[in-house]
Amino acid sequence: MHTILGAGGPVANALTQELINANQTVRLVSRKPVQTTAANVTWQKADLLNYDEVLSAAKGSTVIYLVAGLVYDAAIWKQQWPVIMKNVINVTKATGARLIFFDNVYMYGLVNGAMTEDTPYKPSSVKGEIRAGIANMLMDEVKAGNIRATIARAPDFYGTDSTNSFIDMMVLSNYAKKKPAQWIGDPDKKHNYIYIPDAGKAVFLLGQNPDSDNQIWHLPTAPAITGRQFLDIAANTYQIKPKFMRIRKFMLWIFGLFKKVIMGTVEMYYQFDHDYIFDSSKFEKAFNFKPTSYADGLKHMSQTFYKPI
């Protein structure tokens, strides 16, 4: 049985679909109900901050996937992430299941060059410090031989109708309405974006291959390109001119005074005014996986979530 902790989000949904396609038995776990019509999928309510509830939801699991997303607030992250990780580690020990943790790149901080699985943790933000702490907590248990676990790490994503993706909400949604896009940071700096369906397929492959356990994997992502290049591809997809408004750090801070979630992005601004190069060659070679090109991913988005008006 494959148990998804934090079901209902973009990556969890993509992973769920891959498991359904493979006729796997799936248990979705979250605080809010997740609707499904698949015969081999069930939902169970659990709060990841409650060990007993997580243990009850994970009983009988072969593989546990931790793909939870918390409110984008450093104070909440500091309070809740260590508790969640401790609970999931202990549940993994109790069930004997394999664990796959879907992670981001905040713990690397500002990197000069490409981010690889061997890049040291030098966080440039409070959120990065928290992510470094829980990643180390997990891998310390692996090194001690207490659990079998994997970290599946991904950069910023696109490919959904989620408000958590600025590409989807500020670029594709706007271009679909024939409006100028909004771009955070320096449009002449390079950045990678993982396509959500690729992320789901990649986490699925890790779950199907026990030989991938006990290490870190960067999930398959198309090469880094500049913001202007990305905007050109997106505009070409929607057959409009690549017009955009640049959002600088001070503007984010001003917006953040009225919306706390936006304020949470201010400390991460370094990711958008410096090159952000994510290297996924290890995964691509090991699994013979070619990431979806930006052109193909954006074309699919224009045919599904953000159709031209």
C-alpha atoms as a PDB file:
ATOM      1  CA  MET A   1       0.000   0.000   0.000  1.00  0.00           C
ATOM      2  CA  HIS A   2       1.171   3.497  -0.886  1.00  0.00           C
ATOM      3  CA  THR A   3       0.290   6.147   1.694  1.00  0.00           C
ATOM      4  CA  ILE A   4       0.407   9.821   0.745  1.00  0.00           C
ATOM      5  CA  LEU A   5       0.717  12.166   3.717  1.00  0.00           C
ATOM      6  CA  GLY A   6      -0.434  15.648   2.780  1.00  0.00           C
ATOM      7  CA  ALA A   7      -2.758  14.553  -0.009  1.00  0.00           C
ATOM      8  CA  GLY A   8      -4.609  17.081  -2.127  1.00  0.00           C
ATOM      9  CA  GLY A   9      -1.745  19.300  -3.287  1.00  0.00           C
ATOM     10  CA  PRO A  10      -0.351  19.518  -6.841  1.00  0.00           C
ATOM     11  CA  VAL A  11       2.469  16.987  -6.441  1.00  0.00           C
ATOM     12  CA  ALA A  12       0.332  14.658  -4.332  1.00  0.00           C
ATOM     13  CA  ASN A  13      -2.374  14.698  -6.996  1.00  0.00           C
ATOM     14  CA  ALA A  14       0.106  13.977  -9.789  1.00  0.00           C
ATOM     15  CA  LEU A  15       1.624  11.133  -7.750  1.00  0.00           C
ATOM     16  CA  THR A  16      -1.817   9.737  -6.947  1.00  0.00           C
ATOM     17  CA  GLN A  17      -2.676   9.589 -10.638  1.00  0.00           C
ATOM     18  CA  GLU A  18       0.547   7.727 -11.422  1.00  0.00           C
ATOM     19  CA  LEU A  19      -0.214   5.169  -8.699  1.00  0.00           C
ATOM     20  CA  ILE A  20      -3.790   4.756  -9.953  1.00  0.00           C
ATOM     21  CA  ASN A  21      -2.514   4.203 -13.491  1.00  0.00           C
ATOM     22  CA  ALA A  22      -0.223   1.488 -12.143  1.00  0.00           C
ATOM     23  CA  ASN A  23      -3.126  -0.212 -10.300  1.00  0.00           C
ATOM     24  CA  GLN A  24      -1.518   0.373  -6.899  1.00  0.00           C
ATOM     25  CA  THR A  25      -3.467   0.526  -3.646  1.00  0.00           C
ATOM     26  CA  VAL A  26      -3.390   4.091  -2.359  1.00  0.00           C
ATOM     27  CA  ARG A  27      -4.350   5.734   0.917  1.00  0.00           C
ATOM     28  CA  LEU A  28      -4.707   9.496   0.871  1.00  0.00           C
ATOM     29  CA  VAL A  29      -4.102  11.194   4.208  1.00  0.00           C
ATOM     30  CA  SER A  30      -4.986  14.800   5.019  1.00  0.00           C
ATOM     31  CA  ARG A  31      -7.029  16.938   7.378  1.00  0.00           C
ATOM     32  CA  LYS A  32      -9.557  17.805   4.667  1.00  0.00           C
ATOM     33  CA  PRO A  33     -11.341  15.196   2.512  1.00  0.00           C
ATOM     34  CA  VAL A  34      -9.866  14.418  -0.892  1.00  0.00           C
ATOM     35  CA  GLN A  35     -12.423  13.286  -3.440  1.00  0.00           C
ATOM     36  CA  THR A  36     -11.647  10.215  -5.536  1.00  0.00           C
ATOM     37  CA  THR A  37     -13.631   7.795  -7.666  1.00  0.00           C
ATOM     38  CA  ALA A  38     -10.851   5.237  -8.078  1.00  0.00           C
ATOM     39  CA  ALA A  39     -11.703   1.842  -6.597  1.00  0.00           C
ATOM     40  CA  ASN A  40      -8.196   1.287  -5.247  1.00  0.00           C
ATOM     41  CA  VAL A  41      -7.952   4.645  -3.446  1.00  0.00           C
ATOM     42  CA  THR A  42      -9.199   5.501   0.047  1.00  0.00           C
ATOM     43  CA  TRP A  43      -8.979   8.631   2.171  1.00  0.00           C
ATOM     44  CA  GLN A  44      -8.306   8.853   5.898  1.00  0.00           C
ATOM     45  CA  LYS A  45      -8.334  11.948   8.037  1.00  0.00           C
ATOM     46  CA  ALA A  46      -5.204  12.686  10.052  1.00  0.00           C
ATOM     47  CA  ASP A  47      -3.349  15.691  11.392  1.00  0.00           C
ATOM     48  CA  LEU A  48       0.382  15.265  10.738  1.00  0.00           C
ATOM     49  CA  LEU A  49       1.050  16.992  14.057  1.00  0.00           C
ATOM     50  CA  ASN A  50      -0.676  14.082  15.840  1.00  0.00           C
ATOM     51  CA  TYR A  51       1.497  10.955  15.990  1.00  0.00           C
ATOM     52  CA  ASP A  52      -1.313   8.547  16.829  1.00  0.00           C
ATOM     53  CA  GLU A  53      -3.432   9.744  13.913  1.00  0.00           C
ATOM     54  CA  VAL A  54      -0.502   9.454  11.482  1.00  0.00           C
ATOM     55  CA  LEU A  55       0.323   5.971  12.766  1.00  0.00           C
ATOM     56  CA  SER A  56      -3.284   4.856  12.333  1.00  0.00           C
ATOM     57  CA  ALA A  57      -3.377   6.231   8.784  1.00  0.00           C
ATOM     58  CA  ALA A  58      -0.065   4.635   7.800  1.00  0.00           C
ATOM     59  CA  LYS A  59      -0.638   1.095   9.136  1.00  0.00           C
ATOM     60  CA  GLY A  60      -0.035  -1.500   6.446  1.00  0.00           C
ATOM     61  CA  SER A  61       2.006   0.862   4.279  1.00  0.00           C
ATOM     62  CA  THR A  62       4.761  -0.352   1.988  1.00  0.00           C
ATOM     63  CA  VAL A  63       5.792   3.144   0.955  1.00  0.00           C
ATOM     64  CA  ILE A  64       4.994   6.428   2.713  1.00  0.00           C
ATOM     65  CA  TYR A  65       5.226   9.693   0.790  1.00  0.00           C
ATOM     66  CA  LEU A  66       5.498  12.938   2.745  1.00  0.00           C
ATOM     67  CA  VAL A  67       4.339  15.652   0.342  1.00  0.00           C
ATOM     68  CA  ALA A  68       2.773  18.069   2.808  1.00  0.00           C
ATOM     69  CA  GLY A  69       2.674  21.807   2.267  1.00  0.00           C
ATOM     70  CA  LEU A  70       2.323  24.234   5.159  1.00  0.00           C
ATOM     71  CA  VAL A  71       1.098  27.826   5.218  1.00  0.00           C
ATOM     72  CA  TYR A  72       3.901  29.972   3.786  1.00  0.00           C
ATOM     73  CA  ASP A  73       4.916  31.463   7.122  1.00  0.00           C
ATOM     74  CA  ALA A  74       8.327  30.987   8.758  1.00  0.00           C
ATOM     75  CA  ALA A  75       6.884  31.014  12.283  1.00  0.00           C
ATOM     76  CA  ILE A  76       4.466  28.207  11.424  1.00  0.00           C
ATOM     77  CA  TRP A  77       7.209  26.263   9.660  1.00  0.00           C
ATOM     78  CA  LYS A  78       9.518  26.595  12.685  1.00  0.00           C
ATOM     79  CA  GLN A  79       6.818  25.323  15.011  1.00  0.00           C
ATOM     80  CA  GLN A  80       5.310  22.556  12.893  1.00  0.00           C
ATOM     81  CA  TRP A  81       7.888  21.076  10.497  1.00  0.00           C
ATOM     82  CA  PRO A  82      10.136  19.506  13.169  1.00  0.00           C
ATOM     83  CA  VAL A  83       7.081  17.939  14.835  1.00  0.00           C
ATOM     84  CA  ILE A  84       5.787  16.579  11.532  1.00  0.00           C
ATOM     85  CA  MET A  85       9.158  15.158  10.550  1.00  0.00           C
ATOM     86  CA  LYS A  86       9.634  13.528  13.967  1.00  0.00           C
ATOM     87  CA  ASN A  87       6.164  11.967  13.776  1.00  0.00           C
ATOM     88  CA  VAL A  88       6.705  10.638  10.259  1.00  0.00           C
ATOM     89  CA  ILE A  89      10.144   9.231  11.114  1.00  0.00           C
ATOM     90  CA  ASN A  90       8.690   7.400  14.126  1.00  0.00           C
ATOM     91  CA  VAL A  91       5.756   6.117  12.068  1.00  0.00           C
ATOM     92  CA  THR A  92       8.203   4.883   9.442  1.00  0.00           C
ATOM     93  CA  LYS A  93      10.071   2.985  12.137  1.00  0.00           C
ATOM     94  CA  ALA A  94       6.848   1.542  13.545  1.00  0.00           C
ATOM     95  CA  THR A  95       5.500   0.359  10.177  1.00  0.00           C
ATOM     96  CA  GLY A  96       8.771  -0.680   8.540  1.00  0.00           C
ATOM     97  CA  ALA A  97       7.705   1.191   5.405  1.00  0.00           C
ATOM     98  CA  ARG A  98       9.997   3.049   3.037  1.00  0.00           C
ATOM     99  CA  LEU A  99       9.751   6.838   3.226  1.00  0.00           C
ATOM    100  CA  ILE A 100      10.015   9.373   0.401  1.00  0.00           C
ATOM    101  CA  PHE A 101      10.075  13.039   1.410  1.00  0.00           C
ATOM    102  CA  PHE A 102       9.262  15.653  -1.248  1.00  0.00           C
ATOM    103  CA  ASP A 103      11.533  18.609  -0.515  1.00  0.00           C
ATOM    104  CA  ASN A 104      12.573  21.967  -1.958  1.00  0.00           C
ATOM    105  CA  VAL A 105      15.948  23.726  -2.407  1.00  0.00           C
ATOM    106  CA  TYR A 106      15.758  26.388   0.307  1.00  0.00           C
ATOM    107  CA  MET A 107      18.465  24.741   2.441  1.00  0.00           C
ATOM    108  CA  TYR A 108      21.118  25.377  -0.232  1.00  0.00           C
ATOM    109  CA  GLY A 109      20.805  29.131   0.071  1.00  0.00           C
ATOM    110  CA  LEU A 110      22.382  31.317  -2.604  1.00  0.00           C
ATOM    111  CA  VAL A 111      24.506  29.014  -4.769  1.00  0.00           C
ATOM    112  CA  ASN A 112      27.166  30.188  -7.208  1.00  0.00           C
ATOM    113  CA  GLY A 113      26.783  27.627  -9.974  1.00  0.00           C
ATOM    114  CA  ALA A 114      24.616  24.542 -10.246  1.00  0.00           C
ATOM    115  CA  MET A 115      22.761  22.982  -7.331  1.00  0.00           C
ATOM    116  CA  THR A 116      23.456  19.234  -7.137  1.00  0.00           C
ATOM    117  CA  GLU A 117      22.660  16.546  -4.598  1.00  0.00           C
ATOM    118  CA  ASP A 118      26.097  17.207  -3.058  1.00  0.00           C
ATOM    119  CA  THR A 119      25.645  20.952  -2.636  1.00  0.00           C
ATOM    120  CA  PRO A 120      26.258  21.840   1.043  1.00  0.00           C
ATOM    121  CA  TYR A 121      23.493  23.383   3.111  1.00  0.00           C
ATOM    122  CA  LYS A 122      24.110  27.128   3.554  1.00  0.00           C
ATOM    123  CA  PRO A 123      20.620  28.594   3.977  1.00  0.00           C
ATOM    124  CA  SER A 124      20.076  32.285   3.252  1.00  0.00           C
ATOM    125  CA  SER A 125      16.676  32.448   4.943  1.00  0.00           C
ATOM    126  CA  VAL A 126      14.779  31.358   8.032  1.00  0.00           C
ATOM    127  CA  LYS A 127      12.746  28.947   5.907  1.00  0.00           C
ATOM    128  CA  GLY A 128      15.978  27.552   4.517  1.00  0.00           C
ATOM    129  CA  GLU A 129      17.319  26.940   8.019  1.00  0.00           C
ATOM    130  CA  ILE A 130      14.147  25.046   8.906  1.00  0.00           C
ATOM    131  CA  ARG A 131      14.327  22.910   5.748  1.00  0.00           C
ATOM    132  CA  ALA A 132      17.995  22.149   6.404  1.00  0.00           C
ATOM    133  CA  GLY A 133      17.108  21.057   9.922  1.00  0.00           C
ATOM    134  CA  ILE A 134      14.387  18.602   8.931  1.00  0.00           C
ATOM    135  CA  ALA A 135      16.438  17.235   6.014  1.00  0.00           C
ATOM    136  CA  ASN A 136      19.316  16.549   8.392  1.00  0.00           C
ATOM    137  CA  MET A 137      16.925  15.028  10.926  1.00  0.00           C
ATOM    138  CA  LEU A 138      15.740  12.568   8.298  1.00  0.00           C
ATOM    139  CA  MET A 139      19.106  11.655   6.830  1.00  0.00           C
ATOM    140  CA  ASP A 140      20.649  11.220  10.308  1.00  0.00           C
ATOM    141  CA  GLU A 141      18.118   8.414  10.869  1.00  0.00           C
ATOM    142  CA  VAL A 142      19.083   6.919   7.500  1.00  0.00           C
ATOM    143  CA  LYS A 143      22.795   7.052   8.341  1.00  0.00           C
ATOM    144  CA  ALA A 144      22.091   5.394  11.682  1.00  0.00           C
ATOM    145  CA  GLY A 145      20.335   2.557   9.842  1.00  0.00           C
ATOM    146  CA  ASN A 146      17.028   3.213  11.598  1.00  0.00           C
ATOM    147  CA  ILE A 147      14.902   3.761   8.489  1.00  0.00           C
ATOM    148  CA  ARG A 148      14.955   3.517   4.692  1.00  0.00           C
ATOM    149  CA  ALA A 149      14.234   6.972   3.343  1.00  0.00           C
ATOM    150  CA  THR A 150      14.787   9.185   0.340  1.00  0.00           C
ATOM    151  CA  ILE A 151      14.678  12.922  -0.223  1.00  0.00           C
ATOM    152  CA  ALA A 152      13.116  13.885  -3.561  1.00  0.00           C
ATOM    153  CA  ARG A 153      14.088  17.487  -4.148  1.00  0.00           C
ATOM    154  CA  ALA A 154      12.535  19.862  -6.680  1.00  0.00           C
ATOM    155  CA  PRO A 155      12.845  23.523  -7.680  1.00  0.00           C
ATOM    156  CA  ASP A 156       9.962  25.932  -8.285  1.00  0.00           C
ATOM    157  CA  PHE A 157       7.142  24.309 -10.225  1.00  0.00           C
ATOM    158  CA  TYR A 158       4.495  25.018 -12.834  1.00  0.00           C
ATOM    159  CA  GLY A 159       1.781  22.945 -14.421  1.00  0.00           C
ATOM    160  CA  THR A 160      -1.290  23.263 -12.210  1.00  0.00           C
ATOM    161  CA  ASP A 161      -4.015  25.693 -11.206  1.00  0.00           C
ATOM    162  CA  SER A 162      -2.422  26.032  -7.763  1.00  0.00           C
ATOM    163  CA  THR A 163      -1.942  29.506  -6.315  1.00  0.00           C
ATOM    164  CA  ASN A 164       1.432  28.279  -5.008  1.00  0.00           C
ATOM    165  CA  SER A 165       2.991  28.625  -8.461  1.00  0.00           C
ATOM    166  CA  PHE A 166       3.767  32.181  -9.483  1.00  0.00           C
ATOM    167  CA  ILE A 167       4.379  30.995 -13.053  1.00  0.00           C
ATOM    168  CA  ASP A 168       0.869  29.607 -13.317  1.00  0.00           C
ATOM    169  CA  MET A 169      -0.901  32.476 -11.588  1.00  0.00           C
ATOM    170  CA  MET A 170       1.156  35.500 -12.686  1.00  0.00           C
ATOM    171  CA  VAL A 171       2.288  34.445 -16.161  1.00  0.00           C
ATOM    172  CA  LEU A 172       0.051  31.797 -17.711  1.00  0.00           C
ATOM    173  CA  SER A 173      -3.206  32.997 -16.187  1.00  0.00           C
ATOM    174  CA  ASN A 174      -2.486  36.543 -17.366  1.00  0.00           C
ATOM    175  CA  TYR A 175      -1.373  35.579 -20.857  1.00  0.00           C
ATOM    176  CA  ALA A 176      -4.476  33.419 -21.249  1.00  0.00           C
ATOM    177  CA  LYS A 177      -6.509  36.597 -20.612  1.00  0.00           C
ATOM    178  CA  LYS A 178      -4.317  38.598 -23.042  1.00  0.00           C
ATOM    179  CA  LYS A 179      -2.921  40.620 -20.132  1.00  0.00           C
ATOM    180  CA  PRO A 180       0.770  41.398 -19.394  1.00  0.00           C
ATOM    181  CA  ALA A 181       2.506  38.903 -17.135  1.00  0.00           C
ATOM    182  CA  GLN A 182       4.105  39.726 -13.794  1.00  0.00           C
ATOM    183  CA  TRP A 183       7.673  38.564 -13.200  1.00  0.00           C
ATOM    184  CA  ILE A 184       9.374  38.351  -9.818  1.00  0.00           C
ATOM    185  CA  GLY A 185      13.036  39.364  -9.837  1.00  0.00           C
ATOM    186  CA  ASP A 186      15.540  39.917 -12.625  1.00  0.00           C
ATOM    187  CA  PRO A 187      14.242  38.606 -15.980  1.00  0.00           C
ATOM    188  CA  ASP A 188      17.810  38.293 -17.254  1.00  0.00           C
ATOM    189  CA  LYS A 189      18.806  35.736 -14.601  1.00  0.00           C
ATOM    190  CA  LYS A 190      18.490  32.008 -15.241  1.00  0.00           C
ATOM    191  CA  HIS A 191      15.988  29.793 -13.421  1.00  0.00           C
ATOM    192  CA  ASN A 192      14.617  26.231 -13.662  1.00  0.00           C
ATOM    193  CA  TYR A 193      10.980  25.207 -13.268  1.00  0.00           C
ATOM    194  CA  ILE A 194       9.832  21.615 -12.852  1.00  0.00           C
ATOM    195  CA  TYR A 195       6.659  20.514 -14.614  1.00  0.00           C
ATOM    196  CA  ILE A 196       4.226  19.072 -12.046  1.00  0.00           C
ATOM    197  CA  PRO A 197       3.415  15.885 -14.045  1.00  0.00           C
ATOM    198  CA  ASP A 198       7.178  15.196 -14.249  1.00  0.00           C
ATOM    199  CA  ALA A 199       7.446  15.601 -10.474  1.00  0.00           C
ATOM    200  CA  GLY A 200       4.606  13.115  -9.941  1.00  0.00           C
ATOM    201  CA  LYS A 201       6.151  10.572 -12.315  1.00  0.00           C
ATOM    202  CA  ALA A 202       9.575  10.954 -10.722  1.00  0.00           C
ATOM    203  CA  VAL A 203       8.345  10.441  -7.147  1.00  0.00           C
ATOM    204  CA  PHE A 204       6.364   7.435  -8.409  1.00  0.00           C
ATOM    205  CA  LEU A 205       9.543   5.953  -9.929  1.00  0.00           C
ATOM    206  CA  LEU A 206      11.421   6.399  -6.665  1.00  0.00           C
ATOM    207  CA  GLY A 207       8.608   4.586  -4.881  1.00  0.00           C
ATOM    208  CA  GLN A 208       8.813   1.704  -7.348  1.00  0.00           C
ATOM    209  CA  ASN A 209      12.594   1.311  -7.040  1.00  0.00           C
ATOM    210  CA  PRO A 210      13.914   0.365  -3.586  1.00  0.00           C
ATOM    211  CA  ASP A 211      17.468   0.632  -4.920  1.00  0.00           C
ATOM    212  CA  SER A 212      16.973   4.406  -4.919  1.00  0.00           C
ATOM    213  CA  ASP A 213      16.558   4.483  -1.133  1.00  0.00           C
ATOM    214  CA  ASN A 214      18.766   6.265   1.388  1.00  0.00           C
ATOM    215  CA  GLN A 215      19.930   9.117  -0.813  1.00  0.00           C
ATOM    216  CA  ILE A 216      18.939  12.494  -2.220  1.00  0.00           C
ATOM    217  CA  TRP A 217      17.540  12.846  -5.726  1.00  0.00           C
ATOM    218  CA  HIS A 218      17.011  16.017  -7.723  1.00  0.00           C
ATOM    219  CA  LEU A 219      13.833  15.444  -9.708  1.00  0.00           C
ATOM    220  CA  PRO A 220      13.912  15.809 -13.524  1.00  0.00           C
ATOM    221  CA  THR A 221      13.739  19.450 -14.556  1.00  0.00           C
ATOM    222  CA  ALA A 222      14.301  21.211 -17.871  1.00  0.00           C
ATOM    223  CA  PRO A 223      17.508  23.304 -18.115  1.00  0.00           C
ATOM    224  CA  ALA A 224      17.642  26.776 -16.608  1.00  0.00           C
ATOM    225  CA  ILE A 225      16.744  29.641 -18.954  1.00  0.00           C
ATOM    226  CA  THR A 226      16.352  33.377 -18.404  1.00  0.00           C
ATOM    227  CA  GLY A 227      13.031  34.870 -17.439  1.00  0.00           C
ATOM    228  CA  ARG A 228      12.837  36.637 -20.786  1.00  0.00           C
ATOM    229  CA  GLN A 229      13.324  33.322 -22.598  1.00  0.00           C
ATOM    230  CA  PHE A 230      10.582  31.716 -20.513  1.00  0.00           C
ATOM    231  CA  LEU A 231       8.242  34.644 -21.147  1.00  0.00           C
ATOM    232  CA  ASP A 232       8.967  34.448 -24.881  1.00  0.00           C
ATOM    233  CA  ILE A 233       8.010  30.760 -24.930  1.00  0.00           C
ATOM    234  CA  ALA A 234       4.865  31.432 -22.916  1.00  0.00           C
ATOM    235  CA  ALA A 235       3.842  34.389 -25.069  1.00  0.00           C
ATOM    236  CA  ASN A 236       4.449  32.407 -28.245  1.00  0.00           C
ATOM    237  CA  THR A 237       2.223  29.655 -26.829  1.00  0.00           C
ATOM    238  CA  TYR A 238      -0.600  32.157 -26.378  1.00  0.00           C
ATOM    239  CA  GLN A 239       0.251  34.024 -29.590  1.00  0.00           C
ATOM    240  CA  ILE A 240       0.701  37.378 -27.904  1.00  0.00           C
ATOM    241  CA  LYS A 241       3.598  39.760 -27.287  1.00  0.00           C
ATOM    242  CA  PRO A 242       5.761  38.892 -24.243  1.00  0.00           C
ATOM    243  CA  LYS A 243       4.774  41.938 -22.214  1.00  0.00           C
ATOM    244  CA  PHE A 244       5.402  41.837 -18.474  1.00  0.00           C
ATOM    245  CA  MET A 245       5.777  43.939 -15.355  1.00  0.00           C
ATOM    246  CA  ARG A 246       8.823  43.314 -13.192  1.00  0.00           C
ATOM    247  CA  ILE A 247       8.155  42.940  -9.464  1.00  0.00           C
ATOM    248  CA  ARG A 248      11.111  44.114  -7.393  1.00  0.00           C
ATOM    249  CA  LYS A 249      11.854  43.240  -3.772  1.00  0.00           C
ATOM    250  CA  PHE A 250      10.511  46.518  -2.395  1.00  0.00           C
ATOM    251  CA  MET A 251       7.236  46.005  -4.235  1.00  0.00           C
ATOM    252  CA  LEU A 252       6.909  42.521  -2.724  1.00  0.00           C
ATOM    253  CA  TRP A 253       7.485  43.995   0.708  1.00  0.00           C
ATOM    254  CA  ILE A 254       4.769  46.601   0.135  1.00  0.00           C
ATOM    255  CA  PHE A 255       2.314  43.931  -1.052  1.00  0.00           C
ATOM    256  CA  GLY A 256       3.318  41.828   1.942  1.00  0.00           C
ATOM    257  CA  LEU A 257       2.120  44.508   4.348  1.00  0.00           C
ATOM    258  CA  PHE A 258      -1.399  43.629   3.247  1.00  0.00           C
ATOM    259  CA  LYS A 259      -0.980  39.900   2.642  1.00  0.00           C
ATOM    260  CA  LYS A 260       1.163  37.762   4.941  1.00  0.00           C
ATOM    261  CA  VAL A 261       1.728  34.995   2.391  1.00  0.00           C
ATOM    262  CA  ILE A 262       3.371  37.504   0.044  1.00  0.00           C
ATOM    263  CA  MET A 263       5.538  38.834   2.873  1.00  0.00           C
ATOM    264  CA  GLY A 264       6.786  35.279   3.261  1.00  0.00           C
ATOM    265  CA  THR A 265       8.341  35.469  -0.208  1.00  0.00           C
ATOM    266  CA  VAL A 266      10.470  38.532   0.562  1.00  0.00           C
ATOM    267  CA  GLU A 267      13.270  36.597   2.270  1.00  0.00           C
ATOM    268  CA  MET A 268      13.352  34.227  -0.722  1.00  0.00           C
ATOM    269  CA  TYR A 269      13.885  37.060  -3.229  1.00  0.00           C
ATOM    270  CA  TYR A 270      17.545  36.061  -3.648  1.00  0.00           C
ATOM    271  CA  GLN A 271      16.284  33.123  -5.717  1.00  0.00           C
ATOM    272  CA  PHE A 272      14.904  35.524  -8.307  1.00  0.00           C
ATOM    273  CA  ASP A 273      17.638  38.144  -8.662  1.00  0.00           C
ATOM    274  CA  HIS A 274      20.492  35.639  -9.018  1.00  0.00           C
ATOM    275  CA  ASP A 275      20.963  32.659 -11.309  1.00  0.00           C
ATOM    276  CA  TYR A 276      19.116  29.604  -9.964  1.00  0.00           C
ATOM    277  CA  ILE A 277      20.471  26.509 -11.697  1.00  0.00           C
ATOM    278  CA  PHE A 278      19.082  23.140 -10.640  1.00  0.00           C
ATOM    279  CA  ASP A 279      20.948  20.054 -11.870  1.00  0.00           C
ATOM    280  CA  SER A 280      18.851  16.877 -12.189  1.00  0.00           C
ATOM    281  CA  SER A 281      21.300  14.865 -14.319  1.00  0.00           C
ATOM    282  CA  LYS A 282      21.680  12.155 -11.663  1.00  0.00           C
ATOM    283  CA  PHE A 283      17.993  11.239 -11.856  1.00  0.00           C
ATOM    284  CA  GLU A 284      17.799  11.642 -15.618  1.00  0.00           C
ATOM    285  CA  LYS A 285      20.675   9.202 -16.152  1.00  0.00           C
ATOM    286  CA  ALA A 286      19.569   6.679 -13.512  1.00  0.00           C
ATOM    287  CA  PHE A 287      15.980   6.483 -14.767  1.00  0.00           C
ATOM    288  CA  ASN A 288      16.529   7.384 -18.423  1.00  0.00           C
ATOM    289  CA  PHE A 289      14.084  10.245 -17.917  1.00  0.00           C
ATOM    290  CA  LYS A 290      13.871  13.271 -20.218  1.00  0.00           C
ATOM    291  CA  PRO A 291      12.186  16.258 -18.546  1.00  0.00           C
ATOM    292  CA  THR A 292       9.275  17.878 -20.359  1.00  0.00           C
ATOM    293  CA  SER A 293      10.458  20.909 -22.337  1.00  0.00           C
ATOM    294  CA  TYR A 294       9.045  24.295 -21.394  1.00  0.00           C
ATOM    295  CA  ALA A 295       7.439  24.564 -24.840  1.00  0.00           C
ATOM    296  CA  ASP A 296       5.628  21.255 -24.437  1.00  0.00           C
ATOM    297  CA  GLY A 297       4.642  21.921 -20.832  1.00  0.00           C
ATOM    298  CA  LEU A 298       3.265  25.365 -21.588  1.00  0.00           C
ATOM    299  CA  LYS A 299       1.406  24.082 -24.642  1.00  0.00           C
ATOM    300  CA  HIS A 300      -0.332  21.508 -22.461  1.00  0.00           C
ATOM    301  CA  MET A 301      -1.208  24.209 -19.935  1.00  0.00           C
ATOM    302  CA  SER A 302      -2.777  26.324 -22.684  1.00  0.00           C
ATOM    303  CA  GLN A 303      -4.983  23.357 -23.573  1.00  0.00           C
ATOM    304  CA  THR A 304      -6.034  22.480 -20.013  1.00  0.00           C
ATOM    305  CA  PHE A 305      -5.842  24.814 -17.010  1.00  0.00           C
ATOM    306  CA  TYR A 306      -5.273  28.153 -18.735  1.00  0.00           C
ATOM    307  CA  LYS A 307      -7.020  28.128 -22.079  1.00  0.00           C
ATOM    308  CA  PRO A 308      -6.845  31.364 -24.121  1.00  0.00           C
ATOM    309  CA  ILE A 309      -9.889  33.581 -23.716  1.00  0.00           C
END
